[in-house]
Protein backbone atom coordinates (compact mmCIF):
# COMPACT_ATOMS: atom_id res chain seq x y z
CA ILE A 1 -8.80 21.43 26.77
CA PHE A 2 -5.14 20.87 27.62
CA SER A 3 -3.04 20.05 30.65
CA GLN A 4 -1.14 22.20 33.08
CA HIS A 5 2.59 21.89 32.29
CA ALA A 6 1.76 21.18 28.62
CA PHE A 7 3.36 22.65 25.48
CA ALA A 8 2.84 26.42 25.52
CA VAL A 9 1.71 26.53 21.88
CA TYR A 10 -1.60 24.86 22.78
CA ALA A 11 -2.68 27.92 24.74
CA LEU A 12 -1.35 30.26 22.05
CA VAL A 13 -3.24 28.66 19.16
CA THR A 14 -6.39 28.47 21.26
CA GLN A 15 -6.17 32.19 21.92
CA ALA A 16 -5.32 32.93 18.30
CA VAL A 17 -8.60 31.48 17.04
CA GLY A 18 -10.66 33.16 19.74
CA ALA A 19 -11.49 29.95 21.59
CA THR A 20 -11.61 29.47 25.35
CA GLY A 21 -8.82 27.35 26.79
CA VAL A 22 -9.57 25.03 29.69
CA ILE A 23 -6.48 24.01 31.66
CA VAL A 24 -6.75 20.76 33.61
CA PRO A 25 -4.41 20.54 36.63
CA ALA A 26 -1.60 18.07 36.09
CA LYS A 27 -1.32 14.79 37.94
CA ALA A 28 2.25 13.91 38.91
CA TYR A 29 3.40 16.37 36.20
CA GLY A 30 1.45 14.42 33.59
CA HIS A 31 -2.03 14.41 32.07
CA ASP A 32 -5.03 13.78 34.31
CA LEU A 33 -7.24 12.12 31.72
CA ASP A 34 -10.13 11.70 34.15
CA GLY A 35 -9.89 15.45 34.71
CA PHE A 36 -10.02 15.96 30.94
CA LEU A 37 -13.21 13.92 30.68
CA ALA A 38 -14.78 15.83 33.56
CA ALA A 39 -13.96 19.14 31.84
CA ILE A 40 -15.79 18.25 28.61
CA THR A 41 -19.00 20.17 27.97
CA PRO A 42 -21.29 20.51 24.93
CA ARG A 43 -19.14 23.51 23.96
CA THR A 44 -15.90 21.55 23.95
CA ARG A 45 -14.44 21.15 20.47
CA LEU A 46 -10.86 19.97 20.88
CA ILE A 47 -8.49 18.29 23.32
CA PHE A 48 -4.69 18.39 23.14
CA VAL A 49 -2.85 15.35 24.50
CA ALA A 50 0.95 15.23 24.24
CA ASN A 51 2.48 11.79 24.60
CA PRO A 52 5.24 11.98 25.74
CA ASN A 53 4.53 15.38 27.26
CA ASN A 54 6.69 18.44 26.72
CA PRO A 55 8.31 19.74 28.94
CA THR A 56 7.86 17.07 31.63
CA GLY A 57 8.52 13.93 29.57
CA THR A 58 5.70 11.97 31.20
CA LEU A 59 3.98 9.16 29.31
CA ILE A 60 0.42 7.87 29.15
CA GLY A 61 0.23 4.09 28.86
CA LYS A 62 -1.31 2.56 25.74
CA ASP A 63 -4.27 0.95 27.50
CA VAL A 64 -5.04 4.09 29.52
CA LEU A 65 -4.93 6.25 26.41
CA HIS A 66 -7.17 3.90 24.45
CA ALA A 67 -9.71 3.77 27.29
CA PHE A 68 -9.72 7.57 27.39
CA LEU A 69 -10.42 7.89 23.67
CA LYS A 70 -13.36 5.51 23.99
CA GLN A 71 -14.95 7.92 26.48
CA VAL A 72 -14.47 11.14 24.50
CA PRO A 73 -17.73 12.28 22.85
CA SER A 74 -17.80 12.14 19.07
CA HIS A 75 -18.18 15.93 18.74
CA VAL A 76 -14.74 16.50 20.31
CA LEU A 77 -11.53 16.28 18.27
CA VAL A 78 -8.50 14.82 20.03
CA VAL A 79 -5.07 15.97 18.84
CA LEU A 80 -2.54 13.37 19.95
CA ASP A 81 0.82 15.13 19.79
CA GLU A 82 3.48 12.46 19.28
CA ALA A 83 6.44 14.74 18.60
CA TYR A 84 8.72 12.55 20.72
CA ASP A 85 7.34 9.15 19.70
CA GLU A 86 10.60 8.07 18.02
CA TYR A 87 12.34 8.17 21.41
CA LEU A 88 10.03 5.51 22.86
CA SER A 89 10.96 1.86 23.10
CA ALA A 90 8.71 -0.62 21.31
CA GLN A 91 7.00 -1.59 24.57
CA HIS A 92 6.07 2.03 25.32
CA LYS A 93 4.72 3.05 21.91
CA SER A 94 0.95 3.45 21.77
CA GLU A 95 0.78 2.54 18.05
CA ALA A 96 -2.16 4.94 17.92
CA ILE A 97 -2.14 4.94 14.11
CA ALA A 98 -3.97 1.61 14.30
CA TRP A 99 -6.78 3.35 16.20
CA LEU A 100 -7.70 5.81 13.47
CA ASN A 101 -10.38 3.51 12.08
CA ASP A 102 -11.99 3.29 15.51
CA PHE A 103 -11.88 6.99 16.41
CA GLU A 104 -12.93 9.30 13.59
CA GLN A 105 -12.20 12.39 15.71
CA LEU A 106 -8.55 11.42 16.34
CA ILE A 107 -5.72 13.50 14.84
CA ILE A 108 -2.14 12.28 15.32
CA SER A 109 0.59 14.87 14.84
CA ARG A 110 4.25 14.06 14.26
CA THR A 111 7.33 16.14 13.55
CA PHE A 112 10.67 15.82 11.79
CA SER A 113 12.23 18.30 14.23
CA LYS A 114 13.34 15.77 16.86
CA ALA A 115 14.72 12.32 16.09
CA TYR A 116 14.93 13.06 12.34
CA GLY A 117 17.12 16.11 12.97
CA LEU A 118 15.28 18.51 10.64
CA ALA A 119 14.21 21.18 13.14
CA GLY A 120 15.40 24.06 10.95
CA LEU A 121 13.06 23.05 8.13
CA ARG A 122 9.88 23.31 10.27
CA VAL A 123 8.11 20.30 8.82
CA GLY A 124 5.78 17.70 10.28
CA PHE A 125 2.68 15.75 9.36
CA GLY A 126 -0.71 14.71 10.65
CA LEU A 127 -2.66 11.48 10.38
CA MET A 128 -6.46 11.65 10.44
CA HIS A 129 -9.66 10.71 8.65
CA ALA A 130 -10.09 12.13 5.16
CA GLU A 131 -13.07 14.22 6.24
CA VAL A 132 -11.01 15.93 8.94
CA ALA A 133 -8.10 16.45 6.56
CA ASP A 134 -10.44 18.11 4.08
CA ILE A 135 -11.55 20.63 6.70
CA LEU A 136 -7.96 21.38 7.72
CA ASN A 137 -6.96 21.89 4.10
CA ARG A 138 -9.62 24.56 3.76
CA VAL A 139 -8.17 26.68 6.57
CA ARG A 140 -4.44 26.04 6.45
CA GLN A 141 -2.12 28.67 5.06
CA PRO A 142 -1.04 28.15 1.44
CA PHE A 143 2.60 27.19 0.84
CA ASN A 144 2.98 26.32 4.54
CA VAL A 145 5.73 23.77 3.83
CA ASN A 146 8.36 24.62 1.24
CA SER A 147 9.59 22.17 -1.39
CA ILE A 148 13.03 21.70 0.19
CA ALA A 149 11.48 20.76 3.52
CA GLN A 150 9.14 18.32 1.79
CA ALA A 151 11.99 16.66 -0.11
CA ALA A 152 14.12 16.36 3.03
CA ALA A 153 11.23 14.95 5.05
CA ILE A 154 10.45 12.29 2.44
CA ALA A 155 14.12 11.33 2.20
CA SER A 156 14.44 11.10 5.98
CA LEU A 157 11.61 8.58 6.17
CA ALA A 158 13.78 6.18 4.19
CA ASP A 159 16.77 6.67 6.50
CA GLU A 160 15.75 4.31 9.28
CA ASP A 161 19.37 3.85 10.36
CA PHE A 162 19.63 7.52 11.33
CA VAL A 163 16.48 7.38 13.46
CA GLN A 164 17.74 4.23 15.18
CA ARG A 165 21.05 5.95 15.94
CA SER A 166 19.16 8.94 17.33
CA TYR A 167 17.12 6.61 19.52
CA ALA A 168 20.16 4.68 20.76
CA ALA A 169 22.14 7.85 21.48
CA ASN A 170 19.22 9.28 23.41
CA GLN A 171 18.78 6.11 25.46
CA ALA A 172 22.45 6.04 26.39
CA GLY A 173 22.50 9.76 27.12
CA MET A 174 19.43 9.49 29.34
CA VAL A 175 21.12 6.81 31.44
CA GLN A 176 24.28 8.91 31.69
CA LEU A 177 22.39 12.05 32.67
CA THR A 178 20.02 10.47 35.18
CA ASN A 179 22.84 8.51 36.81
CA GLY A 180 24.75 11.76 37.18
CA LEU A 181 21.76 13.58 38.65
CA ASN A 182 21.24 10.74 41.12
CA LYS A 183 24.87 11.02 42.23
CA LEU A 184 24.30 14.74 42.83
CA GLY A 185 21.26 13.91 44.96
CA LEU A 186 18.88 15.81 42.69
CA ASN A 187 15.27 14.85 42.05
CA PHE A 188 14.01 14.74 38.48
CA ILE A 189 10.86 13.74 36.61
CA PRO A 190 11.32 10.35 34.90
CA SER A 191 11.26 11.15 31.19
CA PHE A 192 10.36 9.24 28.04
CA ALA A 193 11.50 12.02 25.69
CA ASN A 194 14.91 13.51 24.80
CA PHE A 195 15.15 15.74 27.86
CA VAL A 196 14.72 15.58 31.61
CA CYS A 197 13.31 18.12 34.07
CA VAL A 198 15.49 18.35 37.16
CA ASN A 199 14.60 20.00 40.46
CA VAL A 200 17.39 22.43 41.32
CA PRO A 201 17.62 24.75 44.34
CA ASN A 202 17.46 28.37 43.13
CA ALA A 203 16.83 27.18 39.57
CA SER A 204 16.77 30.67 38.06
CA LYS A 205 20.14 31.58 39.61
CA VAL A 206 21.65 28.23 38.65
CA ASN A 207 20.46 28.74 35.08
CA GLN A 208 22.30 32.07 34.91
CA GLN A 209 25.44 30.48 36.33
CA LEU A 210 25.25 27.70 33.76
CA LEU A 211 24.93 30.29 31.00
CA GLN A 212 28.04 32.05 32.27
CA LYS A 213 29.88 28.74 31.90
CA GLY A 214 28.59 28.26 28.36
CA VAL A 215 25.98 25.63 29.25
CA ILE A 216 22.46 26.27 27.95
CA VAL A 217 19.44 24.57 29.51
CA ARG A 218 15.75 25.50 29.48
CA PRO A 219 14.12 27.27 32.44
CA VAL A 220 10.48 26.21 32.78
CA ALA A 221 9.15 28.81 35.20
CA ASN A 222 6.65 29.85 32.51
CA TYR A 223 5.25 26.32 32.75
CA GLU A 224 4.54 26.85 36.45
CA MET A 225 7.67 24.88 37.33
CA PRO A 226 9.97 27.56 38.81
CA ASP A 227 12.14 25.05 40.67
CA TYR A 228 12.98 23.00 37.58
CA LEU A 229 15.34 23.18 34.63
CA ARG A 230 14.74 21.14 31.47
CA VAL A 231 17.95 19.58 30.21
CA SER A 232 18.16 18.15 26.69
CA ILE A 233 20.07 14.93 26.13
CA GLY A 234 23.25 15.71 24.23
CA LEU A 235 26.39 13.93 23.15
CA PHE A 236 28.34 12.05 25.83
CA SER A 237 30.83 14.89 26.18
CA GLU A 238 28.06 17.49 26.39
CA ASN A 239 26.21 15.58 29.10
CA ALA A 240 29.45 15.16 31.03
CA ARG A 241 30.21 18.87 30.73
CA PHE A 242 26.75 19.80 32.04
CA LEU A 243 27.05 17.46 35.02
CA GLN A 244 30.54 18.73 35.83
CA VAL A 245 29.55 22.40 35.71
CA LEU A 246 26.33 21.78 37.64
CA GLU A 247 28.26 20.00 40.38
CA GLU A 248 30.73 22.88 40.61
CA ILE A 249 27.89 25.40 40.92
CA LEU A 250 26.05 23.40 43.57
CA ASN A 251 29.22 22.83 45.59
CA ALA A 252 29.97 26.57 45.54
CA THR A 253 26.60 27.49 47.08
């Protein structure tokens, strides 16, 4: 089970193992957890929950998420994808790691590709009960993480200053970008990640015009969001450049 407008890889891995994917319609571009619970059957084996969600940036509150987990049957694994957790303020973090003792079927996945800046090394980690880890170890590919990636990941965990700078830069960039979008009169989905989905008239055409100006954003038509573009938070100058070029394009139409 996974949500509409959720990370495309969930559907791909479901198909790859020959399972049947059940897509629950989104609620305000986020997860409808009541819909998830209603979709569970005796055949259900796994639920993907991304928090914050990619590509919409929506967030499930800590109490709501905990209440959901309490209602999931014990035969169903829940993969809590926290790829963007480092971009959350302390008040918004679920601190789900503390729940592992209460929910034996919970798997928390994290990545070094975002706030840690190690995307090219393709390394992440999972937190789960030992019994679940043992099963995953039996089926995972051998040598799936190389030694350089492992060394870099371990070193990055000690570099808390870098992660804090990433967080601070993202917070400032989000304010800059959303203020600029508001000035342009554009609607966007409030985001808790390092990107924002903005509603743009003729999004596909605007994307091509941005590309011609050397500005790369992410179309999300394949996520059933044809009128949106996902814009990553960049450096101050990069955000300013995007807003300037976007304004020029919109004024010319």
